[in-house]
Protein backbone atom coordinates (compact mmCIF):
# COMPACT_ATOMS: atom_id res chain seq x y z
CA MET A 1 79.62 106.86 153.68
CA GLU A 2 81.08 109.28 151.15
CA ARG A 3 83.25 107.88 148.37
CA THR A 4 86.82 109.09 148.16
CA LEU A 5 87.94 109.44 144.56
CA ASP A 6 91.51 109.52 143.26
CA TYR A 7 92.96 112.43 141.29
CA LYS A 8 91.39 111.08 138.07
CA GLY A 9 87.92 110.78 139.61
CA ARG A 10 88.05 106.99 140.01
CA TRP A 11 86.75 105.17 143.05
CA ARG A 12 89.39 102.91 144.55
CA ASN A 13 87.50 99.97 145.97
CA HIS A 14 90.09 97.15 145.76
CA THR A 15 92.65 96.40 148.46
CA VAL A 16 96.13 95.16 147.61
CA ALA A 17 98.27 93.98 150.51
CA PHE A 18 101.62 92.26 150.90
CA ARG A 19 104.17 91.59 153.62
CA VAL A 20 107.60 93.21 153.84
CA SER A 21 110.51 92.96 156.27
CA ASP A 22 111.29 95.71 158.78
CA GLU A 23 114.16 96.88 156.58
CA GLU A 24 111.96 96.96 153.46
CA ALA A 25 109.23 98.82 155.35
CA LYS A 26 111.73 101.46 156.51
CA LEU A 27 113.09 101.87 152.98
CA ILE A 28 109.57 102.19 151.53
CA ASN A 29 108.63 104.77 154.18
CA ASP A 30 111.82 106.74 153.48
CA LEU A 31 111.18 106.73 149.73
CA VAL A 32 107.56 107.78 150.24
CA ALA A 33 108.67 110.70 152.43
CA LEU A 34 111.23 111.77 149.83
CA SER A 35 108.65 111.60 147.03
CA GLY A 36 106.13 113.94 148.65
CA LEU A 37 103.33 111.55 147.62
CA THR A 38 101.02 109.55 149.81
CA LYS A 39 102.14 105.98 150.43
CA GLN A 40 99.21 104.69 148.38
CA ASP A 41 100.03 106.92 145.40
CA TYR A 42 103.77 106.15 145.61
CA ILE A 43 103.28 102.36 145.72
CA THR A 44 100.65 102.46 142.97
CA ARG A 45 102.95 104.46 140.69
CA ARG A 46 105.88 102.14 141.35
CA LEU A 47 103.81 98.98 140.77
CA LEU A 48 102.45 100.36 137.50
CA CYS A 49 105.98 101.40 136.39
CA LEU A 50 104.96 105.06 136.23
CA ASP A 51 107.41 107.87 136.91
CA VAL A 52 107.49 109.28 140.41
CA VAL A 53 107.90 113.02 139.89
CA VAL A 54 108.90 114.85 143.06
CA GLN A 55 107.30 118.23 143.52
CA GLY A 56 109.37 120.39 145.82
CA ASN A 57 107.48 121.42 148.93
CA PRO A 58 108.32 121.91 152.62
CA ARG A 59 107.53 118.27 153.45
CA VAL A 60 109.97 117.00 150.80
CA TYR A 61 112.70 119.37 151.96
CA LYS A 62 112.16 118.30 155.58
CA ALA A 63 112.31 114.62 154.58
CA LEU A 64 115.54 115.27 152.66
CA LYS A 65 117.04 117.08 155.62
CA ASN A 66 116.06 114.30 158.04
CA GLN A 67 117.38 111.57 155.74
CA MET A 68 120.67 113.38 155.24
CA ALA A 69 121.06 113.82 159.00
CA ALA A 70 120.37 110.11 159.59
CA ILE A 71 122.81 109.09 156.87
CA TYR A 72 125.46 111.45 158.23
CA GLU A 73 125.14 109.89 161.67
CA GLU A 74 125.35 106.39 160.19
CA LEU A 75 128.42 107.32 158.14
CA LYS A 76 130.12 108.74 161.24
CA ARG A 77 129.46 105.43 162.97
CA LEU A 78 130.82 103.34 160.13
CA LYS A 79 134.47 103.29 159.09
CA THR A 80 133.75 101.95 155.60
CA LEU A 81 130.65 101.09 153.63
CA SER A 82 130.18 97.41 152.98
CA PRO A 83 127.74 95.52 150.76
CA ASP A 84 125.61 95.07 153.90
CA ASN A 85 124.66 98.75 153.60
CA ASP A 86 122.64 98.39 150.39
CA GLU A 87 119.62 100.25 151.82
CA LEU A 88 121.83 103.17 152.91
CA LEU A 89 123.50 103.37 149.51
CA TYR A 90 120.15 103.18 147.70
CA THR A 91 118.69 105.92 149.90
CA LEU A 92 121.74 108.09 149.18
CA GLN A 93 121.23 107.57 145.46
CA VAL A 94 117.53 108.54 145.67
CA ILE A 95 118.39 111.65 147.69
CA ALA A 96 121.05 112.68 145.17
CA ILE A 97 118.64 112.25 142.25
CA THR A 98 115.90 114.16 144.10
CA LEU A 99 118.19 117.03 145.06
CA TYR A 100 119.55 117.26 141.51
CA GLY A 101 115.99 117.39 140.15
CA LEU A 102 114.91 120.03 142.69
CA LYS A 103 118.00 122.10 141.94
CA GLY A 104 116.97 122.11 138.28
CA GLU A 105 113.61 123.69 139.17
CA ASP A 106 115.27 126.87 140.39
CA GLU A 107 117.35 127.41 137.26
């Protein structure tokens, strides 16, 4: 079996696992898609308190488009946002930060 090394040439041979709720899993998957990283790299960076730098690419733009469409549909369904919509508000904040950062690349 061939070893798969990370971007720094290290062999990752330890497994870290934990349980999350359905809502937390969806939020993590959304944030991973918006980051453009693999889930493993995203979670590792977040756990080690490292910056997650989004590199604009077609996958990130598609994830942004899909998230915005889902949020738009949810906002049409809701009359007002309540504290029960914390995940939606957090996702909106991440999208806004990501779009602002990507916009800065073009200038």
